[in-house]
């Protein structure tokens, strides 16, 4: 059996192309499983997984939980807002208390960059990064690439533009790494205030004119504006942002070609994307949600294969 080259899923930058191919092959198998009448497999009956979310999450948390249950794992859900973290308990103490319950895999979302890497050096469990600050969100990038491959047949050679709040987005960075690793060309597009200064050092193109960016691309991955991460105003108003960087039907029709529309969710309808675009046949947003469960099943399954019995 093939194995991942990594012990944890901390970020896309630690993976190689063979890892991504293996994850996609495994996800293909699980996608078939979750479309059967009986959607469960007994693969991880002896594995216990703790979901540690130190930041709010709906879709990612539900997707991981569903993936874990489809694999028949035992699941512990931990929410920092109702825990001893509020009383000042450290991250390592929190996790060690959970690990004393004999947990094998920890899925963690944390507001601090590098929290997963830090944890992987201090505890004896597999770590899956479900988002660390504005740094990486590896499973989102994997499901996005997988969805592009499923829709267009390949990621290699495709032109993908990531539109919106690049500065605060962990989805953007993970996507850049994943897409480039698979041979795609990547552009970012948004207000100059929301594009990191040194982004071109990653080998991506920068465009501030949305129409030009959409004419260039095969796929547009549209990000929401992350107001919760902003301590200052990065643009004058939502209305102006929508006029300059919102994708609507009229704009898409003016391109003279069809492009694929993606969005990691949650969608601010009428801000970065209108409903008639989000719900159109060009949109693969709901496919991304379904593929998220299959990809997360693949990640969990492949990491669990490295766990020795009774460890």
Protein backbone atom coordinates (compact mmCIF):
# COMPACT_ATOMS: atom_id res chain seq x y z
CA UNK A 1 0.00 0.00 0.00
CA UNK A 2 1.20 3.54 -0.82
CA UNK A 3 1.80 5.94 2.06
CA UNK A 4 1.91 9.71 2.50
CA UNK A 5 5.41 11.19 2.82
CA UNK A 6 4.30 13.20 5.89
CA UNK A 7 3.32 12.20 9.43
CA UNK A 8 0.77 15.01 9.81
CA UNK A 9 -1.21 17.30 7.50
CA UNK A 10 0.11 20.68 8.65
CA UNK A 11 0.15 22.53 5.34
CA UNK A 12 0.30 21.99 1.59
CA UNK A 13 3.89 23.25 1.54
CA UNK A 14 4.99 20.01 3.24
CA UNK A 15 3.39 17.75 0.58
CA UNK A 16 4.77 16.51 -2.73
CA UNK A 17 2.93 15.71 -5.96
CA UNK A 18 2.80 11.97 -5.15
CA UNK A 19 1.03 12.80 -1.87
CA UNK A 20 -1.61 14.80 -3.73
CA UNK A 21 -2.09 12.03 -6.32
CA UNK A 22 -2.50 9.46 -3.53
CA UNK A 23 -5.00 11.67 -1.66
CA UNK A 24 -7.04 12.16 -4.85
CA UNK A 25 -7.03 8.42 -5.67
CA UNK A 26 -8.20 7.65 -2.14
CA UNK A 27 -10.83 10.40 -2.31
CA UNK A 28 -12.17 8.87 -5.56
CA UNK A 29 -12.79 5.63 -3.67
CA UNK A 30 -14.51 7.42 -0.76
CA UNK A 31 -16.60 9.55 -3.07
CA UNK A 32 -18.05 6.34 -4.43
CA UNK A 33 -18.66 5.14 -0.84
CA UNK A 34 -20.57 8.28 0.22
CA UNK A 35 -22.86 7.97 -2.77
CA UNK A 36 -23.94 4.44 -1.83
CA UNK A 37 -27.17 3.75 0.09
CA UNK A 38 -25.03 2.67 3.09
CA UNK A 39 -22.46 5.41 3.40
CA UNK A 40 -20.24 3.99 6.17
CA UNK A 41 -17.11 1.84 6.03
CA UNK A 42 -15.57 0.17 9.10
CA UNK A 43 -12.01 1.32 8.21
CA UNK A 44 -11.28 3.29 11.42
CA UNK A 45 -13.35 1.43 14.00
CA UNK A 46 -10.44 1.43 16.49
CA UNK A 47 -9.39 5.06 15.96
CA UNK A 48 -10.40 7.99 18.17
CA UNK A 49 -10.36 11.49 16.70
CA UNK A 50 -10.64 14.78 18.59
CA UNK A 51 -11.92 17.86 16.76
CA UNK A 52 -10.41 20.91 18.49
CA UNK A 53 -11.84 24.16 17.19
CA UNK A 54 -10.42 27.24 18.89
CA UNK A 55 -12.16 29.40 16.27
CA UNK A 56 -15.74 29.29 15.03
CA UNK A 57 -16.39 26.98 12.12
CA UNK A 58 -19.51 25.46 10.66
CA UNK A 59 -18.72 23.91 7.28
CA UNK A 60 -15.20 22.63 7.97
CA UNK A 61 -16.16 21.21 11.37
CA UNK A 62 -19.28 19.47 10.01
CA UNK A 63 -17.33 18.15 7.02
CA UNK A 64 -14.60 16.64 9.23
CA UNK A 65 -17.15 15.19 11.63
CA UNK A 66 -19.10 13.59 8.79
CA UNK A 67 -15.87 12.22 7.26
CA UNK A 68 -14.86 10.70 10.61
CA UNK A 69 -18.26 9.09 11.16
CA UNK A 70 -18.36 7.72 7.61
CA UNK A 71 -15.06 5.95 8.47
CA UNK A 72 -16.58 4.61 11.76
CA UNK A 73 -14.09 6.45 13.99
CA UNK A 74 -14.95 7.48 17.56
CA UNK A 75 -15.29 11.27 17.65
CA UNK A 76 -14.76 13.81 20.44
CA UNK A 77 -15.80 17.41 19.72
CA UNK A 78 -14.14 20.21 21.63
CA UNK A 79 -15.13 23.87 21.44
CA UNK A 80 -12.76 26.37 23.06
CA UNK A 81 -15.56 28.80 23.87
CA UNK A 82 -17.03 26.35 26.40
CA UNK A 83 -13.76 25.05 27.83
CA UNK A 84 -10.97 25.63 30.32
CA UNK A 85 -9.12 27.61 27.66
CA UNK A 86 -11.34 30.47 28.80
CA UNK A 87 -9.84 29.95 32.27
CA UNK A 88 -6.27 30.31 30.97
CA UNK A 89 -5.33 26.69 30.26
CA UNK A 90 -2.45 26.39 27.75
CA UNK A 91 -2.78 24.71 24.36
CA UNK A 92 -0.50 21.82 25.34
CA UNK A 93 -2.35 21.22 28.63
CA UNK A 94 -5.69 21.26 26.81
CA UNK A 95 -4.50 18.77 24.22
CA UNK A 96 -2.70 16.53 26.70
CA UNK A 97 -5.89 16.26 28.74
CA UNK A 98 -7.73 15.18 25.62
CA UNK A 99 -4.94 12.78 24.63
CA UNK A 100 -5.12 11.12 28.05
CA UNK A 101 -8.46 9.84 26.75
CA UNK A 102 -6.37 7.84 24.21
CA UNK A 103 -6.94 10.02 21.15
CA UNK A 104 -5.10 9.01 17.96
CA UNK A 105 -5.75 11.97 15.64
CA UNK A 106 -6.31 15.66 16.43
CA UNK A 107 -8.08 17.91 13.91
CA UNK A 108 -7.36 21.47 14.98
CA UNK A 109 -8.38 24.96 13.94
CA UNK A 110 -6.52 27.70 15.80
CA UNK A 111 -6.23 31.50 15.44
CA UNK A 112 -2.42 31.39 15.78
CA UNK A 113 -0.21 30.72 12.77
CA UNK A 114 1.85 27.55 13.22
CA UNK A 115 -0.25 26.13 16.07
CA UNK A 116 -0.41 22.72 14.36
CA UNK A 117 3.36 22.61 13.77
CA UNK A 118 3.97 23.57 17.41
CA UNK A 119 1.62 20.86 18.61
CA UNK A 120 3.10 18.16 16.35
CA UNK A 121 6.46 18.64 18.10
CA UNK A 122 5.02 18.23 21.59
CA UNK A 123 2.40 15.52 21.48
CA UNK A 124 2.18 11.95 20.26
CA UNK A 125 -0.83 12.06 17.92
CA UNK A 126 -1.44 12.77 14.25
CA UNK A 127 -2.29 16.44 13.66
CA UNK A 128 -4.54 17.68 10.86
CA UNK A 129 -4.53 21.45 10.41
CA UNK A 130 -8.10 22.65 9.84
CA UNK A 131 -6.88 26.24 9.52
CA UNK A 132 -4.24 28.20 11.43
CA UNK A 133 -4.83 31.95 11.50
CA UNK A 134 -4.41 33.55 8.08
CA UNK A 135 -1.76 30.97 7.19
CA UNK A 136 -2.90 27.61 5.73
CA UNK A 137 -6.07 25.56 5.30
CA UNK A 138 -4.73 22.44 3.54
CA UNK A 139 -7.91 20.36 3.25
CA UNK A 140 -9.73 23.27 1.60
CA UNK A 141 -6.98 23.61 -1.01
CA UNK A 142 -7.02 19.85 -1.63
CA UNK A 143 -10.79 19.77 -2.15
CA UNK A 144 -10.57 22.84 -4.41
CA UNK A 145 -7.89 21.24 -6.63
CA UNK A 146 -9.78 17.94 -6.61
CA UNK A 147 -12.94 19.76 -7.74
CA UNK A 148 -11.04 21.50 -10.58
CA UNK A 149 -9.57 18.17 -11.70
CA UNK A 150 -12.98 16.51 -11.58
CA UNK A 151 -14.55 19.33 -13.62
CA UNK A 152 -11.79 20.06 -16.15
CA UNK A 153 -9.98 16.70 -16.27
CA UNK A 154 -6.68 18.09 -15.01
CA UNK A 155 -5.17 20.87 -12.93
CA UNK A 156 -1.91 21.03 -14.92
CA UNK A 157 -1.78 23.96 -17.34
CA UNK A 158 -5.04 25.49 -16.08
CA UNK A 159 -5.23 29.20 -15.28
CA UNK A 160 -6.79 29.88 -11.89
CA UNK A 161 -7.51 33.31 -10.47
CA UNK A 162 -8.15 33.75 -6.74
CA UNK A 163 -10.34 36.82 -6.27
CA UNK A 164 -10.87 38.93 -3.16
CA UNK A 165 -9.33 39.19 0.29
CA UNK A 166 -5.96 37.49 -0.30
CA UNK A 167 -4.29 39.20 2.66
CA UNK A 168 -6.40 37.55 5.38
CA UNK A 169 -7.06 34.26 3.61
CA UNK A 170 -5.54 30.93 4.61
CA UNK A 171 -7.46 29.42 1.67
CA UNK A 172 -5.50 31.60 -0.79
CA UNK A 173 -2.04 30.55 0.41
CA UNK A 174 -2.86 26.84 0.56
CA UNK A 175 -4.47 27.05 -2.90
CA UNK A 176 -1.42 28.78 -4.38
CA UNK A 177 0.85 26.01 -3.06
CA UNK A 178 -1.47 23.19 -4.20
CA UNK A 179 -2.19 24.59 -7.66
CA UNK A 180 1.45 25.37 -8.44
CA UNK A 181 2.54 21.94 -7.24
CA UNK A 182 0.15 20.44 -9.79
CA UNK A 183 1.33 22.69 -12.62
CA UNK A 184 -1.42 25.32 -12.75
CA UNK A 185 -0.83 29.02 -13.39
CA UNK A 186 -2.11 31.22 -10.57
CA UNK A 187 -3.19 34.85 -10.47
CA UNK A 188 -4.57 36.86 -7.55
CA UNK A 189 -7.01 39.72 -8.02
CA UNK A 190 -8.39 42.21 -5.51
CA UNK A 191 -7.91 45.69 -4.09
CA UNK A 192 -4.18 46.46 -3.69
CA UNK A 193 -4.80 46.88 0.07
CA UNK A 194 -5.91 43.21 0.26
CA UNK A 195 -2.98 41.75 -1.72
CA UNK A 196 0.13 40.91 0.36
CA UNK A 197 3.18 42.97 -0.62
CA UNK A 198 5.49 40.05 -1.41
CA UNK A 199 2.96 37.73 -3.06
CA UNK A 200 4.81 37.84 -6.40
CA UNK A 201 7.74 36.06 -4.71
CA UNK A 202 5.48 32.96 -4.74
CA UNK A 203 5.41 33.11 -8.54
CA UNK A 204 1.82 34.32 -8.88
CA UNK A 205 0.53 37.04 -11.18
CA UNK A 206 -1.25 40.07 -9.73
CA UNK A 207 -4.17 41.84 -11.44
CA UNK A 208 -6.34 44.61 -10.01
CA UNK A 209 -8.82 44.70 -12.91
CA UNK A 210 -11.41 41.97 -12.35
CA UNK A 211 -12.59 41.74 -15.95
CA UNK A 212 -9.02 41.28 -17.23
CA UNK A 213 -8.43 38.58 -14.61
CA UNK A 214 -11.59 36.71 -15.61
CA UNK A 215 -10.73 36.95 -19.31
CA UNK A 216 -7.35 35.36 -18.50
CA UNK A 217 -8.58 32.46 -16.35
CA UNK A 218 -10.23 29.05 -16.74
CA UNK A 219 -11.33 29.00 -13.08
CA UNK A 220 -12.21 31.79 -10.65
CA UNK A 221 -12.04 30.92 -6.95
CA UNK A 222 -13.91 33.73 -5.20
CA UNK A 223 -13.12 34.51 -1.56
CA UNK A 224 -15.30 36.39 0.88
CA UNK A 225 -14.14 39.59 2.57
CA UNK A 226 -13.03 38.55 6.07
CA UNK A 227 -14.28 41.44 8.18
CA UNK A 228 -13.56 39.52 11.40
CA UNK A 229 -9.81 39.62 10.63
CA UNK A 230 -9.72 43.32 9.81
CA UNK A 231 -8.69 45.91 12.38
CA UNK A 232 -8.83 48.79 9.87
CA UNK A 233 -10.84 49.58 6.72
CA UNK A 234 -9.06 48.15 3.67
CA UNK A 235 -11.53 49.70 1.18
CA UNK A 236 -14.03 52.57 1.35
CA UNK A 237 -17.29 50.59 1.42
CA UNK A 238 -18.88 47.21 0.70
CA UNK A 239 -20.77 48.87 -2.13
CA UNK A 240 -17.57 50.02 -3.82
CA UNK A 241 -15.94 46.62 -3.28
CA UNK A 242 -18.92 44.93 -4.96
CA UNK A 243 -18.82 47.34 -7.91
CA UNK A 244 -15.12 46.66 -8.53
CA UNK A 245 -14.65 43.05 -7.44
CA UNK A 246 -18.11 41.47 -7.27
CA UNK A 247 -18.89 38.81 -9.88
CA UNK A 248 -22.34 39.08 -11.45
CA UNK A 249 -24.13 37.50 -14.41
CA UNK A 250 -23.65 40.53 -16.66
CA UNK A 251 -19.86 40.44 -16.12
CA UNK A 252 -19.64 36.71 -16.83
CA UNK A 253 -21.74 37.03 -19.99
CA UNK A 254 -19.44 39.81 -21.26
CA UNK A 255 -16.36 37.52 -21.22
CA UNK A 256 -17.27 35.63 -24.39
CA UNK A 257 -16.25 32.30 -22.79
CA UNK A 258 -17.35 30.07 -19.92
CA UNK A 259 -15.26 29.90 -16.78
CA UNK A 260 -15.69 27.70 -13.72
CA UNK A 261 -16.82 29.52 -10.55
CA UNK A 262 -15.75 28.30 -7.10
CA UNK A 263 -16.17 29.61 -3.54
CA UNK A 264 -14.91 28.08 -0.27
CA UNK A 265 -17.94 29.45 1.62
CA UNK A 266 -19.62 30.98 3.45
CA UNK A 267 -20.88 33.13 0.57
CA UNK A 268 -21.76 36.78 1.11
CA UNK A 269 -24.41 36.79 -1.61
CA UNK A 270 -24.60 40.11 -3.40
CA UNK A 271 -21.13 41.15 -2.18
CA UNK A 272 -18.37 39.07 -3.81
CA UNK A 273 -20.80 37.02 -5.90
CA UNK A 274 -24.46 37.32 -6.88
CA UNK A 275 -26.97 34.50 -6.41
CA UNK A 276 -27.50 34.04 -10.15
CA UNK A 277 -23.75 33.27 -10.45
CA UNK A 278 -23.46 31.16 -7.27
CA UNK A 279 -26.43 29.00 -8.34
CA UNK A 280 -25.57 28.84 -12.07
CA UNK A 281 -24.36 25.80 -14.02
CA UNK A 282 -20.87 27.37 -14.16
CA UNK A 283 -20.66 27.17 -10.38
CA UNK A 284 -19.19 24.04 -8.72
CA UNK A 285 -19.70 25.34 -5.17
CA UNK A 286 -21.92 22.43 -4.06
CA UNK A 287 -19.52 19.92 -5.66
CA UNK A 288 -16.79 21.44 -3.48
CA UNK A 289 -18.88 20.71 -0.37
CA UNK A 290 -19.42 17.06 -1.37
CA UNK A 291 -15.76 16.67 -2.34
CA UNK A 292 -14.74 18.12 1.02
CA UNK A 293 -16.09 15.06 2.83
CA UNK A 294 -14.33 12.64 0.44
CA UNK A 295 -11.00 14.52 0.66
CA UNK A 296 -11.15 14.67 4.46
CA UNK A 297 -11.97 10.96 4.60
CA UNK A 298 -8.87 10.35 2.45
CA UNK A 299 -6.62 12.50 4.69
CA UNK A 300 -7.84 10.85 7.89
CA UNK A 301 -7.69 7.33 6.44
CA UNK A 302 -4.14 7.70 5.07
CA UNK A 303 -2.77 9.22 8.30
CA UNK A 304 -4.53 6.53 10.37
CA UNK A 305 -2.68 3.85 8.34
CA UNK A 306 0.54 5.09 9.96
CA UNK A 307 -0.74 4.53 13.51
CA UNK A 308 0.65 1.39 15.08
CA UNK A 309 -1.86 -0.83 16.90
CA UNK A 310 -2.08 -0.16 20.66
CA UNK A 311 0.20 2.88 20.37
